[in-house]
Amino acid sequence: MRNFTSVFLSLVLVALTSFSQTTNELDQRFGFQNFKFNTPLSNYNAYNPVKVEEGRYTLKNIANIKIGNYQVESVDLFFNNNNLVKIVVRLDDTERQKNESIYNALLKNYGRYTYHRSSSGYSYASEMIWKGKLVNLVYSFSSYREGEIFVSKINLTYSYIGYSVEVDLSKDL
């Protein structure tokens, strides 16, 4: 009976740890999808990168880049010494259908966020920040008016710690 109890408890422990993700998973992925930190710009030529400013490129060929079933609006890559250090993925969420789905997927993959901050007024902004040992992820959602149109955007900012500017939590949104 004692052996059965030990085996059962071991199986429960393995099951619990396999479902409870942490920022360790964020560090292990080391980037976003096929975009991995410390890789050169030439790895992404198939996406037709266009230089925006020194060290920053916007990808033009992004038809195949999706988050779940959602098409991304833009992807910007940031480089330091020709090594990828930051990735910004933007999605339009004017219909307000993507926010909850993407947020829940992040919780499932990386566990509870490390920090949260938000502001409201003329526009609404909210950020959830996961801080790993190697990678930070900032999930931000903003809603605002552009004339008669109500606009909502989702940004996912992945940054390699040590090479890119980290989130300043002392500043309001």
C-alpha atoms as a PDB file:
ATOM      1  CA  MET A   1       0.000   0.000   0.000  1.00  0.00           C
ATOM      2  CA  ARG A   2       2.850   2.360   0.837  1.00  0.00           C
ATOM      3  CA  ASN A   3       4.379   1.877  -2.659  1.00  0.00           C
ATOM      4  CA  PHE A   4       1.015   2.561  -4.298  1.00  0.00           C
ATOM      5  CA  THR A   5       0.643   5.799  -2.314  1.00  0.00           C
ATOM      6  CA  SER A   6       4.176   6.920  -3.241  1.00  0.00           C
ATOM      7  CA  VAL A   7       3.590   6.201  -6.927  1.00  0.00           C
ATOM      8  CA  PHE A   8       0.226   7.968  -6.859  1.00  0.00           C
ATOM      9  CA  LEU A   9       1.643  11.072  -5.158  1.00  0.00           C
ATOM     10  CA  SER A  10       4.539  11.141  -7.629  1.00  0.00           C
ATOM     11  CA  LEU A  11       2.111  11.031 -10.562  1.00  0.00           C
ATOM     12  CA  VAL A  12       0.013  13.828  -9.066  1.00  0.00           C
ATOM     13  CA  LEU A  13       3.125  15.956  -8.545  1.00  0.00           C
ATOM     14  CA  VAL A  14       4.276  15.389 -12.146  1.00  0.00           C
ATOM     15  CA  ALA A  15       0.796  16.247 -13.450  1.00  0.00           C
ATOM     16  CA  LEU A  16       0.620  19.438 -11.403  1.00  0.00           C
ATOM     17  CA  THR A  17       4.051  20.664 -12.447  1.00  0.00           C
ATOM     18  CA  SER A  18       3.377  19.951 -16.109  1.00  0.00           C
ATOM     19  CA  PHE A  19       0.260  22.138 -16.042  1.00  0.00           C
ATOM     20  CA  SER A  20       1.540  24.974 -13.892  1.00  0.00           C
ATOM     21  CA  GLN A  21       3.812  26.981 -16.164  1.00  0.00           C
ATOM     22  CA  THR A  22       6.151  29.745 -15.050  1.00  0.00           C
ATOM     23  CA  THR A  23       8.395  32.300 -16.650  1.00  0.00           C
ATOM     24  CA  ASN A  24      10.894  29.437 -17.071  1.00  0.00           C
ATOM     25  CA  GLU A  25       8.845  28.516 -20.145  1.00  0.00           C
ATOM     26  CA  LEU A  26       9.254  32.089 -21.412  1.00  0.00           C
ATOM     27  CA  ASP A  27      13.023  31.788 -20.990  1.00  0.00           C
ATOM     28  CA  GLN A  28      13.100  28.389 -22.713  1.00  0.00           C
ATOM     29  CA  ARG A  29      11.241  29.699 -25.777  1.00  0.00           C
ATOM     30  CA  PHE A  30      13.822  32.523 -25.949  1.00  0.00           C
ATOM     31  CA  GLY A  31      11.804  34.682 -28.317  1.00  0.00           C
ATOM     32  CA  PHE A  32       8.541  34.667 -30.234  1.00  0.00           C
ATOM     33  CA  GLN A  33       7.681  31.760 -32.536  1.00  0.00           C
ATOM     34  CA  ASN A  34      10.572  31.466 -35.044  1.00  0.00           C
ATOM     35  CA  PHE A  35      12.183  34.728 -33.912  1.00  0.00           C
ATOM     36  CA  LYS A  36      14.922  33.807 -31.439  1.00  0.00           C
ATOM     37  CA  PHE A  37      17.130  36.193 -29.512  1.00  0.00           C
ATOM     38  CA  ASN A  38      20.832  36.538 -30.377  1.00  0.00           C
ATOM     39  CA  THR A  39      20.199  35.698 -34.034  1.00  0.00           C
ATOM     40  CA  PRO A  40      21.248  37.985 -36.922  1.00  0.00           C
ATOM     41  CA  LEU A  41      18.942  40.014 -39.161  1.00  0.00           C
ATOM     42  CA  SER A  42      19.866  37.810 -42.134  1.00  0.00           C
ATOM     43  CA  ASN A  43      17.869  34.957 -40.524  1.00  0.00           C
ATOM     44  CA  TYR A  44      14.700  36.945 -41.269  1.00  0.00           C
ATOM     45  CA  ASN A  45      15.240  37.955 -44.915  1.00  0.00           C
ATOM     46  CA  ALA A  46      12.207  35.877 -45.963  1.00  0.00           C
ATOM     47  CA  TYR A  47      10.025  38.358 -44.028  1.00  0.00           C
ATOM     48  CA  ASN A  48      11.319  41.282 -46.129  1.00  0.00           C
ATOM     49  CA  PRO A  49      12.608  43.483 -43.271  1.00  0.00           C
ATOM     50  CA  VAL A  50      12.545  47.229 -43.884  1.00  0.00           C
ATOM     51  CA  LYS A  51      14.806  49.489 -41.861  1.00  0.00           C
ATOM     52  CA  VAL A  52      12.843  52.025 -39.783  1.00  0.00           C
ATOM     53  CA  GLU A  53      15.821  53.415 -37.896  1.00  0.00           C
ATOM     54  CA  GLU A  54      19.202  52.182 -36.756  1.00  0.00           C
ATOM     55  CA  GLY A  55      18.710  48.725 -35.218  1.00  0.00           C
ATOM     56  CA  ARG A  56      14.939  48.609 -35.856  1.00  0.00           C
ATOM     57  CA  TYR A  57      13.226  46.779 -38.726  1.00  0.00           C
ATOM     58  CA  THR A  58       9.567  46.276 -39.647  1.00  0.00           C
ATOM     59  CA  LEU A  59       8.699  43.011 -41.350  1.00  0.00           C
ATOM     60  CA  LYS A  60       6.582  43.317 -44.508  1.00  0.00           C
ATOM     61  CA  ASN A  61       5.982  39.664 -45.368  1.00  0.00           C
ATOM     62  CA  ILE A  62       3.953  38.651 -42.286  1.00  0.00           C
ATOM     63  CA  ALA A  63       0.939  36.880 -43.837  1.00  0.00           C
ATOM     64  CA  ASN A  64       1.939  33.591 -42.177  1.00  0.00           C
ATOM     65  CA  ILE A  65       2.540  35.040 -38.712  1.00  0.00           C
ATOM     66  CA  LYS A  66      -0.412  34.422 -36.433  1.00  0.00           C
ATOM     67  CA  ILE A  67      -1.152  34.191 -32.759  1.00  0.00           C
ATOM     68  CA  GLY A  68      -3.601  31.336 -32.517  1.00  0.00           C
ATOM     69  CA  ASN A  69      -6.079  32.060 -35.312  1.00  0.00           C
ATOM     70  CA  TYR A  70      -5.394  35.789 -35.275  1.00  0.00           C
ATOM     71  CA  GLN A  71      -3.405  37.542 -37.978  1.00  0.00           C
ATOM     72  CA  VAL A  72      -0.824  39.979 -36.629  1.00  0.00           C
ATOM     73  CA  GLU A  73      -0.873  43.586 -37.799  1.00  0.00           C
ATOM     74  CA  SER A  74       2.869  44.239 -37.563  1.00  0.00           C
ATOM     75  CA  VAL A  75       6.138  42.811 -36.290  1.00  0.00           C
ATOM     76  CA  ASP A  76       9.131  44.991 -35.430  1.00  0.00           C
ATOM     77  CA  LEU A  77      12.540  43.506 -34.696  1.00  0.00           C
ATOM     78  CA  PHE A  78      15.254  45.352 -32.775  1.00  0.00           C
ATOM     79  CA  PHE A  79      18.943  44.502 -33.061  1.00  0.00           C
ATOM     80  CA  ASN A  80      22.047  45.335 -31.082  1.00  0.00           C
ATOM     81  CA  ASN A  81      25.359  44.448 -32.786  1.00  0.00           C
ATOM     82  CA  ASN A  82      23.331  42.485 -35.380  1.00  0.00           C
ATOM     83  CA  ASN A  83      21.768  40.288 -32.672  1.00  0.00           C
ATOM     84  CA  LEU A  84      18.006  40.223 -32.106  1.00  0.00           C
ATOM     85  CA  VAL A  85      17.242  41.724 -28.676  1.00  0.00           C
ATOM     86  CA  LYS A  86      13.597  42.828 -28.849  1.00  0.00           C
ATOM     87  CA  ILE A  87      10.427  41.814 -30.697  1.00  0.00           C
ATOM     88  CA  VAL A  88       7.220  43.862 -30.823  1.00  0.00           C
ATOM     89  CA  VAL A  89       4.118  42.145 -32.192  1.00  0.00           C
ATOM     90  CA  ARG A  90       0.964  44.219 -32.730  1.00  0.00           C
ATOM     91  CA  LEU A  91      -2.604  43.065 -33.310  1.00  0.00           C
ATOM     92  CA  ASP A  92      -5.695  45.075 -34.067  1.00  0.00           C
ATOM     93  CA  ASP A  93      -8.518  44.241 -31.654  1.00  0.00           C
ATOM     94  CA  THR A  94     -11.185  46.752 -32.677  1.00  0.00           C
ATOM     95  CA  GLU A  95     -13.837  44.026 -32.442  1.00  0.00           C
ATOM     96  CA  ARG A  96     -12.586  43.221 -28.907  1.00  0.00           C
ATOM     97  CA  GLN A  97     -12.518  39.482 -29.476  1.00  0.00           C
ATOM     98  CA  LYS A  98      -8.797  38.750 -29.220  1.00  0.00           C
ATOM     99  CA  ASN A  99      -7.803  40.333 -25.897  1.00  0.00           C
ATOM    100  CA  GLU A 100      -9.218  37.727 -23.531  1.00  0.00           C
ATOM    101  CA  SER A 101      -8.175  34.780 -25.694  1.00  0.00           C
ATOM    102  CA  ILE A 102      -4.551  35.899 -26.024  1.00  0.00           C
ATOM    103  CA  TYR A 103      -4.319  36.916 -22.367  1.00  0.00           C
ATOM    104  CA  ASN A 104      -5.639  33.496 -21.232  1.00  0.00           C
ATOM    105  CA  ALA A 105      -3.114  31.733 -23.494  1.00  0.00           C
ATOM    106  CA  LEU A 106      -0.296  33.744 -21.895  1.00  0.00           C
ATOM    107  CA  LEU A 107      -1.515  32.791 -18.418  1.00  0.00           C
ATOM    108  CA  LYS A 108      -1.624  29.139 -19.456  1.00  0.00           C
ATOM    109  CA  ASN A 109       1.867  29.240 -20.979  1.00  0.00           C
ATOM    110  CA  TYR A 110       3.725  31.462 -18.485  1.00  0.00           C
ATOM    111  CA  GLY A 111       1.679  31.485 -15.297  1.00  0.00           C
ATOM    112  CA  ARG A 112       0.492  34.594 -13.492  1.00  0.00           C
ATOM    113  CA  TYR A 113       2.137  37.829 -14.585  1.00  0.00           C
ATOM    114  CA  THR A 114       4.815  39.368 -12.373  1.00  0.00           C
ATOM    115  CA  TYR A 115       3.491  42.943 -12.518  1.00  0.00           C
ATOM    116  CA  HIS A 116       0.316  44.695 -13.637  1.00  0.00           C
ATOM    117  CA  ARG A 117      -0.469  48.344 -14.177  1.00  0.00           C
ATOM    118  CA  SER A 118      -3.275  50.207 -15.880  1.00  0.00           C
ATOM    119  CA  SER A 119      -4.708  53.645 -16.461  1.00  0.00           C
ATOM    120  CA  SER A 120      -8.006  54.974 -17.682  1.00  0.00           C
ATOM    121  CA  GLY A 121      -9.497  58.223 -18.800  1.00  0.00           C
ATOM    122  CA  TYR A 122      -9.804  59.388 -22.394  1.00  0.00           C
ATOM    123  CA  SER A 123      -8.032  56.167 -23.291  1.00  0.00           C
ATOM    124  CA  TYR A 124      -7.591  52.903 -21.436  1.00  0.00           C
ATOM    125  CA  ALA A 125      -4.262  51.092 -21.180  1.00  0.00           C
ATOM    126  CA  SER A 126      -3.308  47.973 -19.297  1.00  0.00           C
ATOM    127  CA  GLU A 127      -0.009  46.097 -19.090  1.00  0.00           C
ATOM    128  CA  MET A 128       0.797  42.694 -17.717  1.00  0.00           C
ATOM    129  CA  ILE A 129       4.496  41.974 -17.369  1.00  0.00           C
ATOM    130  CA  TRP A 130       6.174  38.586 -17.084  1.00  0.00           C
ATOM    131  CA  LYS A 131       9.808  38.828 -15.946  1.00  0.00           C
ATOM    132  CA  GLY A 132      11.972  35.811 -16.587  1.00  0.00           C
ATOM    133  CA  LYS A 133      15.681  35.363 -15.994  1.00  0.00           C
ATOM    134  CA  LEU A 134      16.494  35.791 -19.697  1.00  0.00           C
ATOM    135  CA  VAL A 135      13.331  37.192 -21.289  1.00  0.00           C
ATOM    136  CA  ASN A 136      10.698  39.754 -20.349  1.00  0.00           C
ATOM    137  CA  LEU A 137       7.261  39.830 -21.928  1.00  0.00           C
ATOM    138  CA  VAL A 138       4.974  42.845 -21.766  1.00  0.00           C
ATOM    139  CA  TYR A 139       1.379  42.267 -22.860  1.00  0.00           C
ATOM    140  CA  SER A 140      -0.356  45.585 -23.351  1.00  0.00           C
ATOM    141  CA  PHE A 141      -3.907  46.368 -24.366  1.00  0.00           C
ATOM    142  CA  SER A 142      -5.061  49.884 -25.214  1.00  0.00           C
ATOM    143  CA  SER A 143      -8.363  51.367 -26.312  1.00  0.00           C
ATOM    144  CA  TYR A 144      -8.903  54.894 -27.566  1.00  0.00           C
ATOM    145  CA  ARG A 145     -10.932  56.969 -29.999  1.00  0.00           C
ATOM    146  CA  GLU A 146      -9.708  58.191 -33.358  1.00  0.00           C
ATOM    147  CA  GLY A 147     -12.458  60.579 -34.363  1.00  0.00           C
ATOM    148  CA  GLU A 148     -15.645  58.529 -34.609  1.00  0.00           C
ATOM    149  CA  ILE A 149     -13.803  55.219 -34.588  1.00  0.00           C
ATOM    150  CA  PHE A 150     -13.072  53.254 -31.414  1.00  0.00           C
ATOM    151  CA  VAL A 151      -9.667  51.569 -31.721  1.00  0.00           C
ATOM    152  CA  SER A 152      -8.213  48.731 -29.629  1.00  0.00           C
ATOM    153  CA  LYS A 153      -4.674  47.392 -29.994  1.00  0.00           C
ATOM    154  CA  ILE A 154      -2.730  44.549 -28.450  1.00  0.00           C
ATOM    155  CA  ASN A 155       1.063  44.681 -28.209  1.00  0.00           C
ATOM    156  CA  LEU A 156       3.334  41.833 -27.197  1.00  0.00           C
ATOM    157  CA  THR A 157       6.858  43.031 -26.461  1.00  0.00           C
ATOM    158  CA  TYR A 158       9.489  40.356 -25.926  1.00  0.00           C
ATOM    159  CA  SER A 159      12.876  41.628 -24.783  1.00  0.00           C
ATOM    160  CA  TYR A 160      16.137  39.877 -24.059  1.00  0.00           C
ATOM    161  CA  ILE A 161      17.288  41.007 -20.628  1.00  0.00           C
ATOM    162  CA  GLY A 162      20.614  42.766 -20.614  1.00  0.00           C
ATOM    163  CA  TYR A 163      20.517  43.997 -24.204  1.00  0.00           C
ATOM    164  CA  SER A 164      17.344  46.012 -24.414  1.00  0.00           C
ATOM    165  CA  VAL A 165      15.588  48.576 -22.295  1.00  0.00           C
ATOM    166  CA  GLU A 166      13.567  46.910 -19.581  1.00  0.00           C
ATOM    167  CA  VAL A 167      10.144  48.120 -18.524  1.00  0.00           C
ATOM    168  CA  ASP A 168      10.297  51.096 -16.162  1.00  0.00           C
ATOM    169  CA  LEU A 169       7.684  50.280 -13.539  1.00  0.00           C
ATOM    170  CA  SER A 170       8.144  53.651 -11.815  1.00  0.00           C
ATOM    171  CA  LYS A 171       6.347  55.477 -14.653  1.00  0.00           C
ATOM    172  CA  ASP A 172       2.603  55.588 -15.134  1.00  0.00           C
ATOM    173  CA  LEU A 173       1.125  54.362 -18.382  1.00  0.00           C
END
